[in-house]
Each structure stands twice: as C-alpha cells, then as structure tokens.
Amino acid sequence: MNDIQPYESSNALTKYAVTAIGSIAGGIGLFVIGGLGIIPGIIAGGVATVVGLASMASSDKTDKNMGVFLAGAGALTIASKLPIIGGLVGILSGIGALSMIGIGVWNSIKFFKGLKARS
C-alpha cells in the first residue's frame, strides 16, 4: 500500500490559514493607516516600525520576516505623511496593501482546496 497522502499536511494547512489571515488583516490595516491624518499616521507608523524592529530580534524565522515587513510598512507610513514624497510613497503603500490582500486570498484558496481534499 502506498504511504503517500494525496492531501496537504496539517502543518501546511495551518501555514496557509495563518498567512491568509495575517496578510488580509495587514493589507486592510495598511489601508486604514494610510487614511489617517498626518500626526496620527506618523504615530501609527512609528509604533509599527518599533514593533517590527522588536520582532526582528526573535529567533523564529517567520517572526523575523514579518518584523522586516512591519518595520518597512511603518517606515513607508511615516514617509507617506511627509509633504515632499508623500504622494509617491502613498501610492506604493496602496500597492503593497493590495499585494498583501492578494497574497491572503491566494493562501485562503490553497487552504480551502486542501481542506476540501481532506474530506
């Protein structure tokens, strides 16, 4: 009898689900933060940057990767509130938010396909 399973492992499904939820929530969060005013946007960007830098100190590779992304998103949020380069950075931030939502949707599709294959 063949021991190869025709469906995704539980670890892979968990990874897809967590990535989907985190990416969709992060994309929506970027849109919300991008819509804030100048002072609240700079404060929120600063908090995101500090949390991202703190996450980069973790020993877990996933935490480090998300820390880099969060620190970058926080720095972009701060830069988008500056009058000189704010417009261009705001556009790039919107593209990043849409990309995050797209990654989340893609991972949720993979999660539900894997879940359906198990039943």
C-alpha atoms as a PDB file:
ATOM      1  CA  MET A   1       0.000   0.000   0.000  1.00  0.00           C
ATOM      2  CA  ASN A   2       1.260   3.453  -0.857  1.00  0.00           C
ATOM      3  CA  ASP A   3       2.047   5.684   2.141  1.00  0.00           C
ATOM      4  CA  ILE A   4       1.931   8.944   0.187  1.00  0.00           C
ATOM      5  CA  GLN A   5      -1.052  11.032   1.212  1.00  0.00           C
ATOM      6  CA  PRO A   6      -2.974  12.764  -1.603  1.00  0.00           C
ATOM      7  CA  TYR A   7      -3.714  15.826   0.506  1.00  0.00           C
ATOM      8  CA  GLU A   8      -1.861  18.634   2.259  1.00  0.00           C
ATOM      9  CA  SER A   9      -0.437  18.016   5.709  1.00  0.00           C
ATOM     10  CA  SER A  10      -1.951  19.666   8.755  1.00  0.00           C
ATOM     11  CA  ASN A  11       1.131  21.869   9.115  1.00  0.00           C
ATOM     12  CA  ALA A  12       0.792  23.117   5.536  1.00  0.00           C
ATOM     13  CA  LEU A  13      -2.905  23.884   6.011  1.00  0.00           C
ATOM     14  CA  THR A  14      -2.171  25.734   9.238  1.00  0.00           C
ATOM     15  CA  LYS A  15       0.534  27.752   7.488  1.00  0.00           C
ATOM     16  CA  TYR A  16      -1.856  28.675   4.655  1.00  0.00           C
ATOM     17  CA  ALA A  17      -4.578  29.752   7.088  1.00  0.00           C
ATOM     18  CA  VAL A  18      -2.289  31.853   9.295  1.00  0.00           C
ATOM     19  CA  THR A  19      -0.674  33.503   6.272  1.00  0.00           C
ATOM     20  CA  ALA A  20      -4.079  34.224   4.750  1.00  0.00           C
ATOM     21  CA  ILE A  21      -5.474  35.828   7.891  1.00  0.00           C
ATOM     22  CA  GLY A  22      -2.311  37.792   8.622  1.00  0.00           C
ATOM     23  CA  SER A  23      -1.928  39.066   5.071  1.00  0.00           C
ATOM     24  CA  ILE A  24      -5.556  40.139   4.674  1.00  0.00           C
ATOM     25  CA  ALA A  25      -5.556  41.837   8.083  1.00  0.00           C
ATOM     26  CA  GLY A  26      -2.229  43.524   7.319  1.00  0.00           C
ATOM     27  CA  GLY A  27      -3.454  44.796   3.955  1.00  0.00           C
ATOM     28  CA  ILE A  28      -6.606  46.225   5.478  1.00  0.00           C
ATOM     29  CA  GLY A  29      -4.509  47.721   8.269  1.00  0.00           C
ATOM     30  CA  LEU A  30      -2.244  49.430   5.728  1.00  0.00           C
ATOM     31  CA  PHE A  31      -5.281  50.945   4.026  1.00  0.00           C
ATOM     32  CA  VAL A  32      -6.630  52.190   7.376  1.00  0.00           C
ATOM     33  CA  ILE A  33      -3.286  53.615   8.490  1.00  0.00           C
ATOM     34  CA  GLY A  34      -2.829  55.234   5.088  1.00  0.00           C
ATOM     35  CA  GLY A  35      -6.127  57.047   5.559  1.00  0.00           C
ATOM     36  CA  LEU A  36      -5.122  58.606   8.870  1.00  0.00           C
ATOM     37  CA  GLY A  37      -4.161  62.242   9.177  1.00  0.00           C
ATOM     38  CA  ILE A  38      -0.583  63.467   9.346  1.00  0.00           C
ATOM     39  CA  ILE A  39       0.056  63.287  13.110  1.00  0.00           C
ATOM     40  CA  PRO A  40      -1.874  60.047  13.819  1.00  0.00           C
ATOM     41  CA  GLY A  41      -0.286  58.486  10.719  1.00  0.00           C
ATOM     42  CA  ILE A  42       3.224  59.341  11.861  1.00  0.00           C
ATOM     43  CA  ILE A  43       2.487  57.978  15.350  1.00  0.00           C
ATOM     44  CA  ALA A  44       0.973  54.758  13.958  1.00  0.00           C
ATOM     45  CA  GLY A  45       3.905  54.362  11.559  1.00  0.00           C
ATOM     46  CA  GLY A  46       6.361  54.859  14.400  1.00  0.00           C
ATOM     47  CA  VAL A  47       4.619  52.234  16.525  1.00  0.00           C
ATOM     48  CA  ALA A  48       4.591  49.771  13.606  1.00  0.00           C
ATOM     49  CA  THR A  49       8.282  50.400  12.964  1.00  0.00           C
ATOM     50  CA  VAL A  50       9.214  49.828  16.613  1.00  0.00           C
ATOM     51  CA  VAL A  51       7.129  46.626  16.837  1.00  0.00           C
ATOM     52  CA  GLY A  52       8.667  45.399  13.587  1.00  0.00           C
ATOM     53  CA  LEU A  53      12.184  46.059  14.817  1.00  0.00           C
ATOM     54  CA  ALA A  54      11.389  44.242  18.065  1.00  0.00           C
ATOM     55  CA  SER A  55      10.055  41.257  16.090  1.00  0.00           C
ATOM     56  CA  MET A  56      13.301  41.102  14.140  1.00  0.00           C
ATOM     57  CA  ALA A  57      15.083  40.190  17.386  1.00  0.00           C
ATOM     58  CA  SER A  58      13.103  36.929  17.601  1.00  0.00           C
ATOM     59  CA  SER A  59      14.775  33.581  16.992  1.00  0.00           C
ATOM     60  CA  ASP A  60      11.897  32.379  14.778  1.00  0.00           C
ATOM     61  CA  LYS A  61      12.465  32.948  11.050  1.00  0.00           C
ATOM     62  CA  THR A  62       8.800  33.741  10.390  1.00  0.00           C
ATOM     63  CA  ASP A  63       8.777  36.375  13.140  1.00  0.00           C
ATOM     64  CA  LYS A  64      11.912  37.937  11.680  1.00  0.00           C
ATOM     65  CA  ASN A  65      10.410  38.069   8.195  1.00  0.00           C
ATOM     66  CA  MET A  66       7.185  39.630   9.432  1.00  0.00           C
ATOM     67  CA  GLY A  67       9.239  42.048  11.545  1.00  0.00           C
ATOM     68  CA  VAL A  68      11.112  43.239   8.472  1.00  0.00           C
ATOM     69  CA  PHE A  69       7.851  43.706   6.611  1.00  0.00           C
ATOM     70  CA  LEU A  70       6.184  45.506   9.517  1.00  0.00           C
ATOM     71  CA  ALA A  71       9.160  47.812  10.058  1.00  0.00           C
ATOM     72  CA  GLY A  72       9.171  48.616   6.345  1.00  0.00           C
ATOM     73  CA  ALA A  73       5.434  49.260   6.337  1.00  0.00           C
ATOM     74  CA  GLY A  74       5.807  51.557   9.339  1.00  0.00           C
ATOM     75  CA  ALA A  75       8.610  53.483   7.663  1.00  0.00           C
ATOM     76  CA  LEU A  76       6.524  53.785   4.482  1.00  0.00           C
ATOM     77  CA  THR A  77       3.596  55.050   6.534  1.00  0.00           C
ATOM     78  CA  ILE A  78       5.765  57.737   8.107  1.00  0.00           C
ATOM     79  CA  ALA A  79       7.199  58.681   4.704  1.00  0.00           C
ATOM     80  CA  SER A  80       3.723  58.827   3.150  1.00  0.00           C
ATOM     81  CA  LYS A  81       2.782  61.583   5.603  1.00  0.00           C
ATOM     82  CA  LEU A  82       5.735  63.795   4.614  1.00  0.00           C
ATOM     83  CA  PRO A  83       4.752  66.588   2.214  1.00  0.00           C
ATOM     84  CA  ILE A  84       7.590  66.212  -0.303  1.00  0.00           C
ATOM     85  CA  ILE A  85       7.463  62.474  -1.085  1.00  0.00           C
ATOM     86  CA  GLY A  86       4.104  61.585   0.446  1.00  0.00           C
ATOM     87  CA  GLY A  87       2.206  61.145  -2.810  1.00  0.00           C
ATOM     88  CA  LEU A  88       4.579  58.624  -4.374  1.00  0.00           C
ATOM     89  CA  VAL A  89       5.044  56.695  -1.157  1.00  0.00           C
ATOM     90  CA  GLY A  90       1.271  56.688  -0.588  1.00  0.00           C
ATOM     91  CA  ILE A  91       0.793  55.043  -3.983  1.00  0.00           C
ATOM     92  CA  LEU A  92       3.464  52.441  -3.190  1.00  0.00           C
ATOM     93  CA  SER A  93       1.824  51.805   0.178  1.00  0.00           C
ATOM     94  CA  GLY A  94      -1.520  51.214  -1.541  1.00  0.00           C
ATOM     95  CA  ILE A  95       0.099  48.786  -3.965  1.00  0.00           C
ATOM     96  CA  GLY A  96       1.671  46.974  -1.011  1.00  0.00           C
ATOM     97  CA  ALA A  97      -1.698  46.768   0.751  1.00  0.00           C
ATOM     98  CA  LEU A  98      -3.361  45.335  -2.358  1.00  0.00           C
ATOM     99  CA  SER A  99      -0.496  42.853  -2.717  1.00  0.00           C
ATOM    100  CA  MET A 100      -0.911  41.708   0.876  1.00  0.00           C
ATOM    101  CA  ILE A 101      -4.633  41.186   0.379  1.00  0.00           C
ATOM    102  CA  GLY A 102      -3.890  39.255  -2.831  1.00  0.00           C
ATOM    103  CA  ILE A 103      -1.417  37.002  -1.025  1.00  0.00           C
ATOM    104  CA  GLY A 104      -4.020  36.421   1.688  1.00  0.00           C
ATOM    105  CA  VAL A 105      -6.699  35.495  -0.831  1.00  0.00           C
ATOM    106  CA  TRP A 106      -4.301  33.150  -2.634  1.00  0.00           C
ATOM    107  CA  ASN A 107      -3.368  31.390   0.618  1.00  0.00           C
ATOM    108  CA  SER A 108      -7.010  31.122   1.667  1.00  0.00           C
ATOM    109  CA  ILE A 109      -7.815  29.458  -1.670  1.00  0.00           C
ATOM    110  CA  LYS A 110      -4.957  26.991  -1.086  1.00  0.00           C
ATOM    111  CA  PHE A 111      -6.224  26.398   2.451  1.00  0.00           C
ATOM    112  CA  PHE A 112      -9.808  25.669   1.376  1.00  0.00           C
ATOM    113  CA  LYS A 113      -8.660  23.459  -1.525  1.00  0.00           C
ATOM    114  CA  GLY A 114      -6.502  21.459   0.889  1.00  0.00           C
ATOM    115  CA  LEU A 115      -9.339  21.262   3.392  1.00  0.00           C
ATOM    116  CA  LYS A 116     -11.744  20.056   0.720  1.00  0.00           C
ATOM    117  CA  ALA A 117      -9.258  17.372  -0.411  1.00  0.00           C
ATOM    118  CA  ARG A 118      -9.213  16.017   3.142  1.00  0.00           C
ATOM    119  CA  SER A 119     -12.948  15.412   3.296  1.00  0.00           C
END
